[in-house]
Amino acid sequence: MTQDPHGGDQRPAGSGLPDFTGHEEGGLPDHGAADQGVTLGEPGQRTRNRTLAIVLSVIASSVVLLAVIALVLSQTVFRSVLEEDDPTAYKTAERTGEGQTEYVPDPEEPDIAPPPPIFTEKPTTNCTMPEDGTPAAKADPGTIRGGDLQYTVPETWEHPWGSSYLPYLTETDAQARVVEGSWFSVVNLGRVVWPEDEGGYPGLETAGVAIFQCYATTSGVVSYFGEHPEVTDYRSEATTVDGHPAWIVQATYHFEDPEILETSSASVVTAVVVEGPNGPSALASDVAADQPEHVQELEDIIASLDVVE
């Protein structure tokens, strides 16, 4: 062995690695601690911002993609389906009346058409009063008779109206029910007579129209109607009474001044002509249209009509 001039041992070359176990200054660092792991701290604000930006970018891209897909479908698949279901559809700017049915009001529809000329304030005949004042025949108990017609009196119709002079009717009698004050619902019966100078009895329909018009304009009812009343629920048609041919004319007249009466502002005017074995007889009446009991009792009276001799 030779002595190193600096005082260390002189070892032959290649006899071994230098001893680095010492901890003197200048030695290699100890890496043993790295194998045992270290604890990382919380991510920084910069890292958070970068992550959030990535997430938002992904969401925005997804929304744009879905919008593009919906637009493509609306212009292709959905549009073709709609066109197949509605071949007559047009774009708003091109819409026309082609292929559409125009609504044309029916002039015969009662709700919009004016009433026929027979429902006028002025009658179309002379409304002749018969000179013959023959009284009505005696009626059965609980009934009213006029001419060859008879009806059952409702219990609430407590006012005997008696014989009245009415156009084209004789042998008359009637019963009434008070509406208010001196205003009554009244149903008259009588035998139909027609002057020869007016051509004699004109038949069911013409007689029914004339008696209807004359009753409305001569019984005092027209003074409440006014000059231009509204007319509704009108009819003029063939019917039967107790198995005999008949004709009914009926309409509701609404008072032009609805405040004339407190409890009623309209009247149902009715004429029914019946051809019996001894000639025609008729019913002529007006009842309070806005009093349901009065209207129902009028219907009951008409339904109870009998032809008697």
Protein backbone atom coordinates (compact mmCIF):
# COMPACT_ATOMS: atom_id res chain seq x y z
CA MET A 1 0.00 0.00 0.00
CA THR A 2 1.17 3.42 -0.79
CA GLN A 3 0.21 6.45 1.21
CA ASP A 4 -1.83 9.20 -0.48
CA PRO A 5 0.04 12.46 -0.27
CA HIS A 6 -3.13 14.07 1.07
CA GLY A 7 -3.31 11.53 3.89
CA GLY A 8 -5.84 8.97 2.52
CA ASP A 9 -5.36 5.34 1.81
CA GLN A 10 -4.21 4.52 -1.68
CA ARG A 11 -6.27 1.60 -3.01
CA PRO A 12 -5.63 -0.20 -6.20
CA ALA A 13 -7.91 0.85 -9.15
CA GLY A 14 -11.02 -1.25 -9.58
CA SER A 15 -10.78 -2.76 -6.18
CA GLY A 16 -14.30 -1.35 -5.15
CA LEU A 17 -16.69 1.62 -5.20
CA PRO A 18 -15.94 4.65 -3.18
CA ASP A 19 -17.66 4.77 0.18
CA PHE A 20 -20.56 7.21 -0.09
CA THR A 21 -22.21 6.19 3.15
CA GLY A 22 -20.76 9.06 4.94
CA HIS A 23 -22.80 12.19 5.40
CA GLU A 24 -20.12 14.58 4.91
CA GLU A 25 -20.83 17.72 3.03
CA GLY A 26 -20.75 17.30 -0.70
CA GLY A 27 -22.14 13.77 -0.73
CA LEU A 28 -25.16 12.64 -2.89
CA PRO A 29 -28.68 13.42 -1.51
CA ASP A 30 -30.66 10.76 0.33
CA HIS A 31 -33.57 9.59 -1.92
CA GLY A 32 -34.97 7.14 0.57
CA ALA A 33 -37.69 9.58 1.67
CA ALA A 34 -39.15 9.77 -1.82
CA ASP A 35 -40.08 6.11 -1.72
CA GLN A 36 -42.28 6.74 1.31
CA GLY A 37 -44.68 9.26 -0.59
CA VAL A 38 -45.67 12.82 0.23
CA THR A 39 -49.03 14.56 0.96
CA LEU A 40 -50.26 16.94 -1.83
CA GLY A 41 -51.98 20.19 -0.91
CA GLU A 42 -55.48 21.43 -2.15
CA PRO A 43 -55.61 22.45 -5.93
CA GLY A 44 -54.99 26.09 -6.58
CA GLN A 45 -57.52 28.65 -7.86
CA ARG A 46 -55.96 28.52 -11.30
CA THR A 47 -56.59 24.78 -11.50
CA ARG A 48 -60.22 25.23 -10.46
CA ASN A 49 -60.83 27.89 -13.11
CA ARG A 50 -59.34 25.70 -15.80
CA THR A 51 -61.57 22.73 -14.81
CA LEU A 52 -64.73 24.88 -14.75
CA ALA A 53 -63.95 26.28 -18.18
CA ILE A 54 -63.60 22.78 -19.58
CA VAL A 55 -66.96 21.66 -18.09
CA LEU A 56 -68.82 24.73 -19.39
CA SER A 57 -67.29 24.27 -22.82
CA VAL A 58 -68.54 20.67 -22.93
CA ILE A 59 -72.09 21.68 -21.86
CA ALA A 60 -72.29 24.53 -24.40
CA SER A 61 -71.14 22.23 -27.16
CA SER A 62 -73.84 19.69 -26.21
CA VAL A 63 -76.60 22.33 -26.27
CA VAL A 64 -75.50 23.60 -29.69
CA LEU A 65 -75.40 20.05 -30.99
CA LEU A 66 -78.93 19.30 -29.72
CA ALA A 67 -80.25 22.54 -31.25
CA VAL A 68 -78.76 21.63 -34.61
CA ILE A 69 -80.31 18.13 -34.45
CA ALA A 70 -83.76 19.58 -33.55
CA LEU A 71 -83.58 22.08 -36.40
CA VAL A 72 -82.69 19.36 -38.88
CA LEU A 73 -85.56 17.16 -37.68
CA SER A 74 -88.09 20.03 -37.81
CA GLN A 75 -87.19 20.77 -41.40
CA THR A 76 -87.21 17.15 -42.53
CA VAL A 77 -89.03 14.43 -40.58
CA PHE A 78 -91.57 16.54 -38.64
CA ARG A 79 -92.40 18.76 -41.60
CA SER A 80 -93.10 15.80 -43.87
CA VAL A 81 -95.43 14.28 -41.25
CA LEU A 82 -97.43 17.50 -40.88
CA GLU A 83 -97.76 17.89 -44.64
CA GLU A 84 -99.08 14.33 -44.94
CA ASP A 85 -101.74 14.91 -42.20
CA ASP A 86 -102.93 18.24 -43.58
CA PRO A 87 -102.45 18.43 -47.35
CA THR A 88 -104.51 21.65 -47.53
CA ALA A 89 -102.28 23.60 -45.12
CA TYR A 90 -100.68 26.76 -46.44
CA LYS A 91 -97.98 29.06 -45.20
CA THR A 92 -99.42 32.11 -43.50
CA ALA A 93 -98.33 34.42 -46.30
CA GLU A 94 -99.94 32.21 -48.94
CA ARG A 95 -103.22 31.34 -47.20
CA THR A 96 -106.28 31.81 -49.39
CA GLY A 97 -109.90 30.75 -49.41
CA GLU A 98 -109.17 28.00 -51.90
CA GLY A 99 -110.63 24.72 -50.81
CA GLN A 100 -112.58 26.35 -47.96
CA THR A 101 -116.38 26.34 -47.70
CA GLU A 102 -117.88 29.78 -47.17
CA TYR A 103 -120.61 30.00 -44.50
CA VAL A 104 -123.83 31.32 -45.98
CA PRO A 105 -126.60 32.09 -43.41
CA ASP A 106 -129.83 30.22 -43.94
CA PRO A 107 -132.55 32.87 -44.44
CA GLU A 108 -135.08 30.41 -43.06
CA GLU A 109 -133.25 30.04 -39.74
CA PRO A 110 -135.65 31.51 -37.11
CA ASP A 111 -132.83 32.86 -34.96
CA ILE A 112 -131.54 35.17 -37.70
CA ALA A 113 -134.32 35.50 -40.25
CA PRO A 114 -137.01 38.14 -39.90
CA PRO A 115 -140.47 36.80 -39.05
CA PRO A 116 -142.77 36.01 -41.98
CA PRO A 117 -145.14 38.79 -43.10
CA ILE A 118 -148.08 37.20 -41.30
CA PHE A 119 -146.55 38.24 -37.97
CA THR A 120 -147.20 41.95 -38.40
CA GLU A 121 -148.78 44.64 -36.29
CA LYS A 122 -151.46 45.26 -38.91
CA PRO A 123 -153.83 42.45 -39.91
CA THR A 124 -154.25 41.39 -43.52
CA THR A 125 -158.06 41.12 -43.20
CA ASN A 126 -160.89 43.40 -42.10
CA CYS A 127 -161.12 41.80 -38.64
CA THR A 128 -164.92 41.85 -38.89
CA MET A 129 -166.88 41.60 -35.65
CA PRO A 130 -169.86 39.20 -35.95
CA GLU A 131 -173.30 40.73 -35.48
CA ASP A 132 -174.54 37.51 -33.96
CA GLY A 133 -174.14 37.71 -30.17
CA THR A 134 -175.18 34.13 -29.46
CA PRO A 135 -173.86 33.01 -26.05
CA ALA A 136 -171.74 29.91 -25.64
CA ALA A 137 -173.35 26.59 -24.81
CA LYS A 138 -173.20 25.37 -21.23
CA ALA A 139 -169.88 23.74 -20.41
CA ASP A 140 -169.12 20.70 -18.29
CA PRO A 141 -167.97 21.39 -14.71
CA GLY A 142 -164.36 22.56 -14.57
CA THR A 143 -164.30 23.42 -18.26
CA ILE A 144 -164.80 26.37 -20.62
CA ARG A 145 -166.73 25.95 -23.87
CA GLY A 146 -166.88 28.14 -26.95
CA GLY A 147 -168.44 26.98 -30.21
CA ASP A 148 -167.70 23.28 -30.45
CA LEU A 149 -164.46 23.46 -28.43
CA GLN A 150 -163.96 22.84 -24.73
CA TYR A 151 -160.90 22.89 -22.48
CA THR A 152 -160.13 21.98 -18.86
CA VAL A 153 -159.60 25.05 -16.64
CA PRO A 154 -156.33 24.97 -14.61
CA GLU A 155 -156.91 25.43 -10.87
CA THR A 156 -154.90 28.66 -10.82
CA TRP A 157 -157.07 30.29 -13.52
CA GLU A 158 -159.60 31.69 -11.09
CA HIS A 159 -161.03 34.62 -13.09
CA PRO A 160 -164.05 33.97 -15.35
CA TRP A 161 -163.49 36.20 -18.39
CA GLY A 162 -166.90 35.59 -19.92
CA SER A 163 -168.07 36.35 -23.42
CA SER A 164 -166.02 38.81 -25.49
CA TYR A 165 -166.54 40.39 -28.89
CA LEU A 166 -163.73 39.04 -30.98
CA PRO A 167 -163.18 39.20 -34.78
CA TYR A 168 -164.66 36.21 -36.64
CA LEU A 169 -165.79 34.52 -33.40
CA THR A 170 -169.17 34.08 -31.80
CA GLU A 171 -170.52 31.88 -28.95
CA THR A 172 -167.39 32.87 -26.98
CA ASP A 173 -166.30 32.20 -23.42
CA ALA A 174 -162.96 32.49 -21.63
CA GLN A 175 -161.06 32.06 -18.41
CA ALA A 176 -158.13 34.12 -17.11
CA ARG A 177 -155.25 34.25 -14.63
CA VAL A 178 -153.94 37.52 -13.25
CA VAL A 179 -150.42 38.59 -14.14
CA GLU A 180 -150.37 41.90 -12.29
CA GLY A 181 -152.87 44.70 -11.73
CA SER A 182 -155.34 44.68 -14.62
CA TRP A 183 -153.14 42.56 -16.88
CA PHE A 184 -154.28 38.94 -17.34
CA SER A 185 -153.37 35.82 -19.24
CA VAL A 186 -156.55 34.87 -21.14
CA VAL A 187 -157.67 31.89 -23.26
CA ASN A 188 -160.85 32.38 -25.36
CA LEU A 189 -162.92 29.83 -27.29
CA GLY A 190 -165.59 30.52 -29.92
CA ARG A 191 -167.29 29.46 -33.13
CA VAL A 192 -165.72 30.73 -36.35
CA VAL A 193 -168.01 32.80 -38.63
CA TRP A 194 -166.95 34.52 -41.86
CA PRO A 195 -168.90 37.18 -43.75
CA GLU A 196 -170.01 36.26 -47.24
CA ASP A 197 -168.79 39.62 -48.56
CA GLU A 198 -165.28 38.52 -47.57
CA GLY A 199 -165.66 35.26 -49.48
CA GLY A 200 -166.93 33.09 -46.64
CA TYR A 201 -164.82 30.75 -44.52
CA PRO A 202 -161.33 30.71 -46.14
CA GLY A 203 -160.03 27.42 -44.75
CA LEU A 204 -157.90 26.38 -41.78
CA GLU A 205 -154.64 28.19 -42.48
CA THR A 206 -156.06 31.50 -43.69
CA ALA A 207 -158.60 31.57 -40.87
CA GLY A 208 -155.91 30.78 -38.30
CA VAL A 209 -153.66 33.60 -39.57
CA ALA A 210 -156.51 36.12 -39.65
CA ILE A 211 -157.76 35.29 -36.14
CA PHE A 212 -154.20 35.46 -34.82
CA GLN A 213 -153.53 38.87 -36.39
CA CYS A 214 -156.88 40.33 -35.40
CA TYR A 215 -156.67 39.11 -31.82
CA ALA A 216 -153.21 40.62 -31.37
CA THR A 217 -154.32 44.01 -32.72
CA THR A 218 -157.81 44.35 -31.20
CA SER A 219 -157.57 42.79 -27.75
CA GLY A 220 -155.49 45.60 -26.26
CA VAL A 221 -152.31 43.53 -26.45
CA VAL A 222 -150.84 45.59 -29.30
CA SER A 223 -150.84 48.75 -27.20
CA TYR A 224 -148.19 47.09 -25.05
CA PHE A 225 -146.20 45.65 -27.95
CA GLY A 226 -145.28 49.03 -29.40
CA GLU A 227 -144.91 49.90 -33.07
CA HIS A 228 -141.89 47.66 -33.68
CA PRO A 229 -141.89 44.76 -31.22
CA GLU A 230 -139.44 41.90 -31.45
CA VAL A 231 -141.16 38.69 -32.57
CA THR A 232 -139.72 35.30 -31.63
CA ASP A 233 -140.74 31.64 -31.36
CA TYR A 234 -143.22 31.98 -34.21
CA ARG A 235 -144.91 29.12 -36.03
CA SER A 236 -147.79 28.50 -38.40
CA GLU A 237 -148.46 24.84 -39.04
CA ALA A 238 -150.99 22.09 -39.39
CA THR A 239 -151.90 20.02 -36.34
CA THR A 240 -154.79 17.96 -34.96
CA VAL A 241 -157.12 18.48 -32.02
CA ASP A 242 -159.07 15.57 -30.61
CA GLY A 243 -158.50 13.74 -33.90
CA HIS A 244 -159.77 16.63 -36.06
CA PRO A 245 -157.73 18.68 -38.54
CA ALA A 246 -156.50 21.97 -37.10
CA TRP A 247 -154.09 24.84 -37.69
CA ILE A 248 -152.04 26.67 -35.06
CA VAL A 249 -150.45 30.12 -35.38
CA GLN A 250 -148.31 31.30 -32.48
CA ALA A 251 -145.59 33.85 -31.69
CA THR A 252 -144.02 35.66 -28.77
CA TYR A 253 -144.24 39.46 -28.87
CA HIS A 254 -141.69 41.33 -26.74
CA PHE A 255 -142.89 44.71 -25.53
CA GLU A 256 -140.97 47.58 -27.08
CA ASP A 257 -140.97 49.25 -23.66
CA PRO A 258 -140.04 46.43 -21.23
CA GLU A 259 -140.88 48.58 -18.19
CA ILE A 260 -144.61 48.95 -18.90
CA LEU A 261 -145.23 46.04 -16.54
CA GLU A 262 -143.13 45.04 -13.55
CA THR A 263 -143.46 41.26 -13.84
CA SER A 264 -143.84 40.69 -17.57
CA SER A 265 -142.46 42.15 -20.78
CA ALA A 266 -143.73 39.72 -23.43
CA SER A 267 -146.84 37.78 -24.48
CA VAL A 268 -147.39 34.48 -26.25
CA VAL A 269 -150.23 35.07 -28.74
CA THR A 270 -151.94 31.93 -30.07
CA ALA A 271 -154.73 31.05 -32.48
CA VAL A 272 -155.93 27.48 -33.11
CA VAL A 273 -158.67 26.76 -35.65
CA VAL A 274 -160.30 23.31 -35.54
CA GLU A 275 -162.69 21.88 -38.12
CA GLY A 276 -165.37 19.93 -36.24
CA PRO A 277 -168.50 18.12 -37.40
CA ASN A 278 -170.54 21.34 -37.23
CA GLY A 279 -167.97 23.65 -38.76
CA PRO A 280 -164.85 25.41 -37.49
CA SER A 281 -164.27 26.66 -33.96
CA ALA A 282 -161.19 28.40 -32.60
CA LEU A 283 -159.03 29.24 -29.62
CA ALA A 284 -157.56 32.75 -29.30
CA SER A 285 -155.28 33.69 -26.41
CA ASP A 286 -152.42 35.71 -24.99
CA VAL A 287 -150.44 34.71 -21.90
CA ALA A 288 -147.43 36.16 -20.10
CA ALA A 289 -144.41 34.76 -21.95
CA ASP A 290 -141.98 35.29 -19.09
CA GLN A 291 -144.19 33.58 -16.52
CA PRO A 292 -143.28 29.86 -16.85
CA GLU A 293 -146.43 28.67 -15.04
CA HIS A 294 -148.68 30.65 -17.38
CA VAL A 295 -146.93 29.27 -20.46
CA GLN A 296 -147.12 25.71 -19.17
CA GLU A 297 -150.81 26.10 -18.35
CA LEU A 298 -151.46 27.38 -21.87
CA GLU A 299 -149.87 24.20 -23.21
CA ASP A 300 -151.99 22.14 -20.81
CA ILE A 301 -155.14 23.93 -22.00
CA ILE A 302 -154.34 23.28 -25.67
CA ALA A 303 -153.57 19.64 -24.89
CA SER A 304 -156.94 19.29 -23.13
CA LEU A 305 -159.02 20.66 -26.04
CA ASP A 306 -162.01 18.51 -26.95
CA VAL A 307 -164.42 18.80 -29.84
CA VAL A 308 -167.98 18.66 -28.47
CA GLU A 309 -171.45 18.93 -30.07
